[in-house]
Amino acid sequence: MRPRPLRASFHPLLGASVLAISLAGCSSSSTGPNAQLTSAQVQTIGASVATEIESSLILMTPGAATTAAPAPRWVLGARGVAPGVSATMQWSAVPSCPTVTPYPFLDSDGDGVPDNVQLSFTLPACSFTDANGTLEVTGTLGVSDPQPQTAGLTATATATQLRDVILDASNVQVLAITHNGSWSVAASSNGVLESYGVNTVVEVQGRAPVTITNAWLGGFTPAQGAALSLGEPLPAGTLTAAGGFSLSDGTNAFVLTLDTSTPLSYDPVTCAGQPSSLTAGEVHATLNSAGPKGYLSVQWTNCAAPTYVFVATG
């Protein structure tokens, strides 16, 4: 099937306005056994970790990459990042966005995941406007079935210059998020395993671009009684994340390792319309680069924006 017209609001995300804080000042951190990150560094690293983890949930939906939904919904940082952008900005997919090649696509095993297809997002077709601003989506998303002869909820995808630009009501660019890289999803009735290797560049008006590099694994387990369905949003459940993570503004950089201290509780119903879709959980981002030694604790509670605390260990 061709991606069907749909209507959805941006995911309300975790106080993502802190992404507007650049990494300026990183070199001024103290050194020695009691070295600490600055408050700005804690907020920037914490928001980057939280944003990427919640973003990965969108792409865990079995079969989601075969619809028009992921690209616009991937602008998860839109809420609160830029003044004048609606927190509930609406967009409507149209038959001409994206362009699907080939169409109709081949699905040899009939599992809903195409053997190999490319979704191309171009302007003006992929421009969505409400009273507060405009979202423009460009770039490509390639999706394939790693086992085209065996039915199952597995898929691989590659984003190439998949770029989401937010313009305010005056048509001034206030935010741009660009994705390059790939991820893979293997799903069963027991849950989802995601290999997440996407690079994200966040550009906020007046700030140095922040480049985020992901190289980690995510695991999702449905809550008792919940089930995964092809093309449907994830049900309530728990999420874990572990692996490499880094970010840089071109001058200063941090290399970290993610691990899940307490599994993250995902509840899209209870948290509908709230700053986060997570009700509990904690992720540690341990610093591996020069400078302060320790880890950043990113903690979620009751669908609120997460909190970030640096814990020095050396």
Protein backbone atom coordinates (compact mmCIF):
# COMPACT_ATOMS: atom_id res chain seq x y z
CA MET A 1 0.00 0.00 0.00
CA ARG A 2 1.03 3.58 -0.57
CA PRO A 3 1.54 5.48 2.72
CA ARG A 4 -1.92 6.63 3.67
CA PRO A 5 -2.85 10.23 4.46
CA LEU A 6 -2.77 10.78 8.20
CA ARG A 7 -2.86 13.49 10.80
CA ALA A 8 -0.79 13.58 13.96
CA SER A 9 0.65 16.04 16.43
CA PHE A 10 4.31 16.38 17.37
CA HIS A 11 5.33 14.22 20.29
CA PRO A 12 5.61 16.47 23.37
CA LEU A 13 9.18 15.94 24.49
CA LEU A 14 11.05 16.34 27.72
CA GLY A 15 11.86 20.00 27.97
CA ALA A 16 13.92 19.88 24.81
CA SER A 17 14.52 23.63 24.92
CA VAL A 18 17.83 22.87 26.60
CA LEU A 19 19.12 21.70 23.25
CA ALA A 20 19.37 25.38 22.46
CA ILE A 21 22.29 25.58 24.91
CA SER A 22 25.56 25.19 23.03
CA LEU A 23 28.60 23.43 24.44
CA ALA A 24 30.42 26.74 24.84
CA GLY A 25 32.44 26.78 28.01
CA CYS A 26 33.36 23.11 27.98
CA SER A 27 37.05 23.93 28.08
CA SER A 28 36.58 25.95 31.24
CA SER A 29 35.62 22.89 33.33
CA SER A 30 37.73 22.36 36.40
CA THR A 31 40.25 19.52 36.56
CA GLY A 32 41.43 17.21 39.31
CA PRO A 33 39.67 14.72 41.59
CA ASN A 34 36.68 17.00 42.23
CA ALA A 35 36.17 18.23 38.65
CA GLN A 36 32.58 18.99 37.69
CA LEU A 37 30.66 19.72 34.52
CA THR A 38 29.18 23.18 34.23
CA SER A 39 25.41 23.56 34.53
CA ALA A 40 25.15 24.33 30.80
CA GLN A 41 27.10 21.18 29.92
CA VAL A 42 24.90 19.04 32.15
CA GLN A 43 21.76 20.41 30.54
CA THR A 44 23.04 20.03 26.98
CA ILE A 45 24.35 16.47 27.41
CA GLY A 46 21.31 15.40 29.39
CA ALA A 47 18.84 16.82 26.87
CA SER A 48 20.74 15.23 23.98
CA VAL A 49 20.70 11.80 25.62
CA ALA A 50 17.02 12.08 26.55
CA THR A 51 16.01 13.33 23.10
CA GLU A 52 17.77 10.52 21.25
CA ILE A 53 16.38 7.83 23.55
CA GLU A 54 12.80 9.03 23.21
CA SER A 55 13.30 9.52 19.46
CA SER A 56 14.31 5.87 19.13
CA LEU A 57 10.89 4.80 20.42
CA ILE A 58 9.22 6.24 17.31
CA LEU A 59 11.41 4.06 15.10
CA MET A 60 10.81 0.89 17.11
CA THR A 61 7.23 0.63 15.89
CA PRO A 62 7.13 -2.53 13.73
CA GLY A 63 6.65 -1.44 10.14
CA ALA A 64 6.64 2.27 10.99
CA ALA A 65 9.38 3.10 8.49
CA THR A 66 7.09 2.07 5.64
CA THR A 67 4.68 4.94 6.29
CA ALA A 68 5.00 8.70 6.01
CA ALA A 69 4.89 9.07 9.77
CA PRO A 70 8.49 8.75 11.02
CA ALA A 71 10.12 11.70 9.26
CA PRO A 72 7.88 14.52 10.54
CA ARG A 73 7.39 12.80 13.89
CA TRP A 74 11.17 12.62 14.23
CA VAL A 75 11.15 16.36 14.99
CA LEU A 76 10.70 15.36 18.60
CA GLY A 77 12.67 18.33 19.87
CA ALA A 78 10.25 20.85 18.37
CA ARG A 79 8.27 21.40 21.55
CA GLY A 80 9.71 24.36 23.39
CA VAL A 81 12.93 24.56 21.39
CA ALA A 82 12.11 27.62 19.36
CA PRO A 83 9.82 30.53 20.26
CA GLY A 84 6.80 30.81 18.01
CA VAL A 85 6.62 27.11 17.14
CA SER A 86 3.39 25.50 18.25
CA ALA A 87 3.76 22.79 20.86
CA THR A 88 0.90 20.92 19.18
CA MET A 89 1.66 21.85 15.59
CA GLN A 90 -0.39 19.66 13.28
CA TRP A 91 0.66 18.20 9.95
CA SER A 92 -1.21 16.20 7.38
CA ALA A 93 0.52 13.76 5.08
CA VAL A 94 -0.57 14.17 1.47
CA PRO A 95 -0.57 11.60 -1.35
CA SER A 96 2.46 13.25 -2.99
CA CYS A 97 4.61 13.15 0.18
CA PRO A 98 6.72 11.13 0.30
CA THR A 99 7.40 9.77 -3.17
CA VAL A 100 7.75 5.98 -2.94
CA THR A 101 10.15 4.12 -5.26
CA PRO A 102 9.33 1.57 -6.51
CA TYR A 103 5.57 1.82 -6.27
CA PRO A 104 3.93 -0.51 -5.74
CA PHE A 105 6.81 -2.02 -3.81
CA LEU A 106 7.58 -5.72 -3.57
CA ASP A 107 6.83 -7.55 -0.31
CA SER A 108 7.83 -11.12 -1.08
CA ASP A 109 6.88 -12.63 2.28
CA GLY A 110 3.73 -10.54 2.80
CA ASP A 111 4.77 -9.31 6.25
CA GLY A 112 4.17 -5.62 5.54
CA VAL A 113 7.87 -4.73 5.30
CA PRO A 114 8.98 -4.01 1.71
CA ASP A 115 11.85 -5.97 0.20
CA ASN A 116 13.51 -2.65 -0.69
CA VAL A 117 11.93 0.78 -1.02
CA GLN A 118 12.96 4.45 -0.89
CA LEU A 119 10.83 7.26 0.51
CA SER A 120 11.82 10.68 -0.88
CA PHE A 121 10.71 13.87 0.87
CA THR A 122 10.79 17.00 -1.28
CA LEU A 123 9.38 20.53 -1.28
CA PRO A 124 6.80 21.90 -1.73
CA ALA A 125 4.88 18.65 -1.25
CA CYS A 126 6.46 17.94 2.16
CA SER A 127 5.73 21.32 3.74
CA PHE A 128 3.19 21.48 6.58
CA THR A 129 1.91 24.73 8.08
CA ASP A 130 -0.29 25.81 10.97
CA ALA A 131 -0.93 29.26 12.48
CA ASN A 132 2.36 29.24 14.39
CA GLY A 133 4.85 28.02 11.82
CA THR A 134 5.90 25.62 9.10
CA LEU A 135 7.60 22.24 9.04
CA GLU A 136 9.60 21.35 5.93
CA VAL A 137 10.85 17.79 5.41
CA THR A 138 13.49 16.86 2.83
CA GLY A 139 15.83 13.93 2.21
CA THR A 140 15.41 10.19 1.81
CA LEU A 141 14.56 7.19 3.92
CA GLY A 142 15.45 3.75 2.57
CA VAL A 143 13.74 0.70 4.06
CA SER A 144 14.39 -2.98 3.41
CA ASP A 145 13.52 -6.41 4.74
CA PRO A 146 16.69 -8.29 5.80
CA GLN A 147 14.79 -11.59 5.36
CA PRO A 148 12.49 -10.95 2.38
CA GLN A 149 11.51 -14.61 2.06
CA THR A 150 10.61 -15.07 5.75
CA ALA A 151 7.64 -13.27 7.28
CA GLY A 152 8.45 -11.37 10.47
CA LEU A 153 8.61 -7.95 12.09
CA THR A 154 12.19 -7.10 11.12
CA ALA A 155 13.42 -4.14 9.10
CA THR A 156 16.50 -2.06 8.35
CA ALA A 157 16.42 1.60 7.39
CA THR A 158 18.85 4.31 6.32
CA ALA A 159 18.31 8.05 6.56
CA THR A 160 20.20 10.25 4.10
CA GLN A 161 20.07 13.98 4.77
CA LEU A 162 16.63 13.50 6.28
CA ARG A 163 16.15 17.08 7.35
CA ASP A 164 13.32 18.71 9.28
CA VAL A 165 13.24 22.51 9.32
CA ILE A 166 10.97 24.62 11.52
CA LEU A 167 10.08 28.14 10.37
CA ASP A 168 8.25 30.54 12.66
CA ALA A 169 5.16 32.54 11.71
CA SER A 170 7.44 35.13 10.06
CA ASN A 171 9.00 32.40 7.89
CA VAL A 172 12.34 32.60 9.73
CA GLN A 173 14.19 29.34 10.36
CA VAL A 174 14.43 28.71 14.09
CA LEU A 175 15.28 25.01 14.19
CA ALA A 176 16.68 22.35 11.88
CA ILE A 177 17.32 18.69 12.68
CA THR A 178 19.23 16.52 10.19
CA HIS A 179 19.51 12.73 10.40
CA ASN A 180 22.05 10.51 8.65
CA GLY A 181 22.74 6.88 9.40
CA SER A 182 20.88 3.64 9.86
CA TRP A 183 19.04 1.52 12.34
CA SER A 184 17.58 -1.94 12.40
CA VAL A 185 14.60 -3.36 14.23
CA ALA A 186 13.90 -6.99 15.11
CA ALA A 187 10.52 -7.53 16.73
CA SER A 188 8.59 -10.48 18.07
CA SER A 189 5.73 -11.03 20.47
CA ASN A 190 8.30 -10.75 23.27
CA GLY A 191 9.55 -7.29 22.34
CA VAL A 192 11.79 -5.21 20.10
CA LEU A 193 15.56 -5.02 19.73
CA GLU A 194 16.86 -1.92 17.97
CA SER A 195 20.39 -1.18 16.78
CA TYR A 196 20.58 2.61 16.64
CA GLY A 197 23.38 4.14 14.55
CA VAL A 198 21.91 7.49 13.59
CA ASN A 199 23.84 10.77 13.58
CA THR A 200 21.79 13.86 14.46
CA VAL A 201 22.71 17.50 13.87
CA VAL A 202 20.63 20.04 15.79
CA GLU A 203 20.75 23.66 14.59
CA VAL A 204 19.06 26.32 16.69
CA GLN A 205 18.98 29.93 15.58
CA GLY A 206 21.93 31.84 17.03
CA ARG A 207 23.73 28.75 18.39
CA ALA A 208 26.53 26.52 17.18
CA PRO A 209 25.19 23.28 15.65
CA VAL A 210 25.39 20.27 17.96
CA THR A 211 26.29 16.93 16.37
CA ILE A 212 25.13 13.80 18.17
CA THR A 213 26.53 10.37 17.28
CA ASN A 214 24.60 7.28 18.37
CA ALA A 215 26.03 3.75 18.49
CA TRP A 216 23.88 1.90 20.98
CA LEU A 217 21.27 -0.83 21.37
CA GLY A 218 17.74 -0.31 22.58
CA GLY A 219 15.46 -3.00 23.93
CA PHE A 220 11.70 -2.72 24.43
CA THR A 221 9.49 -5.17 26.34
CA PRO A 222 5.69 -4.78 26.21
CA ALA A 223 3.83 -4.58 29.50
CA GLN A 224 1.99 -7.69 30.63
CA GLY A 225 -1.07 -8.18 28.45
CA ALA A 226 0.15 -5.74 25.77
CA ALA A 227 1.06 -6.80 22.24
CA LEU A 228 3.05 -5.45 19.30
CA SER A 229 1.19 -4.85 16.03
CA LEU A 230 2.59 -4.07 12.58
CA GLY A 231 2.33 -0.34 11.83
CA GLU A 232 0.80 0.48 15.21
CA PRO A 233 2.42 2.64 17.93
CA LEU A 234 4.23 0.82 20.70
CA PRO A 235 2.06 -0.21 23.65
CA ALA A 236 3.04 0.46 27.25
CA GLY A 237 6.24 -1.27 28.28
CA THR A 238 9.85 -0.81 29.37
CA LEU A 239 12.89 0.43 27.46
CA THR A 240 16.62 -0.06 27.99
CA ALA A 241 19.56 1.61 26.22
CA ALA A 242 23.26 0.67 26.23
CA GLY A 243 26.27 1.59 24.11
CA GLY A 244 28.21 4.50 22.65
CA PHE A 245 27.10 8.14 22.51
CA SER A 246 28.97 11.35 21.71
CA LEU A 247 28.26 14.99 20.95
CA SER A 248 30.18 18.01 19.72
CA ASP A 249 29.65 21.62 18.69
CA GLY A 250 32.78 21.66 16.50
CA THR A 251 34.94 23.09 19.26
CA ASN A 252 34.17 21.00 22.33
CA ALA A 253 33.22 17.33 22.46
CA PHE A 254 32.17 14.59 24.88
CA VAL A 255 32.41 10.83 24.44
CA LEU A 256 30.11 8.78 26.67
CA THR A 257 28.79 5.28 27.31
CA LEU A 258 25.10 4.75 27.98
CA ASP A 259 23.70 2.17 30.36
CA THR A 260 20.28 1.79 31.93
CA SER A 261 20.34 1.99 35.71
CA THR A 262 16.57 1.50 35.98
CA PRO A 263 14.46 0.39 32.97
CA LEU A 264 12.43 3.23 31.48
CA SER A 265 8.67 2.84 31.85
CA TYR A 266 6.85 3.89 28.68
CA ASP A 267 3.14 4.75 28.94
CA PRO A 268 1.76 6.59 25.88
CA VAL A 269 -1.79 6.69 27.28
CA THR A 270 -1.08 8.06 30.75
CA CYS A 271 1.51 10.50 29.36
CA ALA A 272 -0.54 11.73 26.38
CA GLY A 273 0.04 15.47 25.99
CA GLN A 274 2.74 15.54 28.68
CA PRO A 275 6.39 16.62 28.33
CA SER A 276 7.56 13.00 28.22
CA SER A 277 6.06 9.60 27.43
CA LEU A 278 8.10 7.98 30.21
CA THR A 279 6.79 7.60 33.76
CA ALA A 280 9.96 6.32 35.46
CA GLY A 281 13.51 5.13 34.87
CA GLU A 282 17.13 6.25 34.84
CA VAL A 283 19.95 6.17 32.30
CA HIS A 284 23.61 6.83 33.09
CA ALA A 285 25.90 8.47 30.53
CA THR A 286 29.47 7.86 31.66
CA LEU A 287 32.15 10.28 30.43
CA ASN A 288 35.05 8.67 28.59
CA SER A 289 36.69 11.84 27.26
CA ALA A 290 39.25 14.10 28.91
CA GLY A 291 38.02 16.39 31.68
CA PRO A 292 35.65 15.62 34.54
CA LYS A 293 35.29 11.95 35.48
CA GLY A 294 31.89 10.60 36.34
CA TYR A 295 28.48 10.02 34.85
CA LEU A 296 25.42 12.03 34.01
CA SER A 297 22.19 10.67 35.49
CA VAL A 298 19.12 11.22 33.30
CA GLN A 299 16.01 10.41 35.29
CA TRP A 300 12.32 10.38 34.32
CA THR A 301 9.33 10.66 36.69
CA ASN A 302 5.57 10.87 36.14
CA CYS A 303 5.59 11.97 32.46
CA ALA A 304 7.55 15.11 33.38
CA ALA A 305 10.64 16.45 31.64
CA PRO A 306 13.65 14.44 32.84
CA THR A 307 16.17 15.76 35.31
CA TYR A 308 19.94 15.74 34.77
CA VAL A 309 22.55 15.39 37.53
CA PHE A 310 26.31 14.93 37.16
CA VAL A 311 27.91 12.49 39.62
CA ALA A 312 31.71 12.84 39.88
CA THR A 313 33.61 9.58 40.38
CA GLY A 314 37.26 10.64 40.32
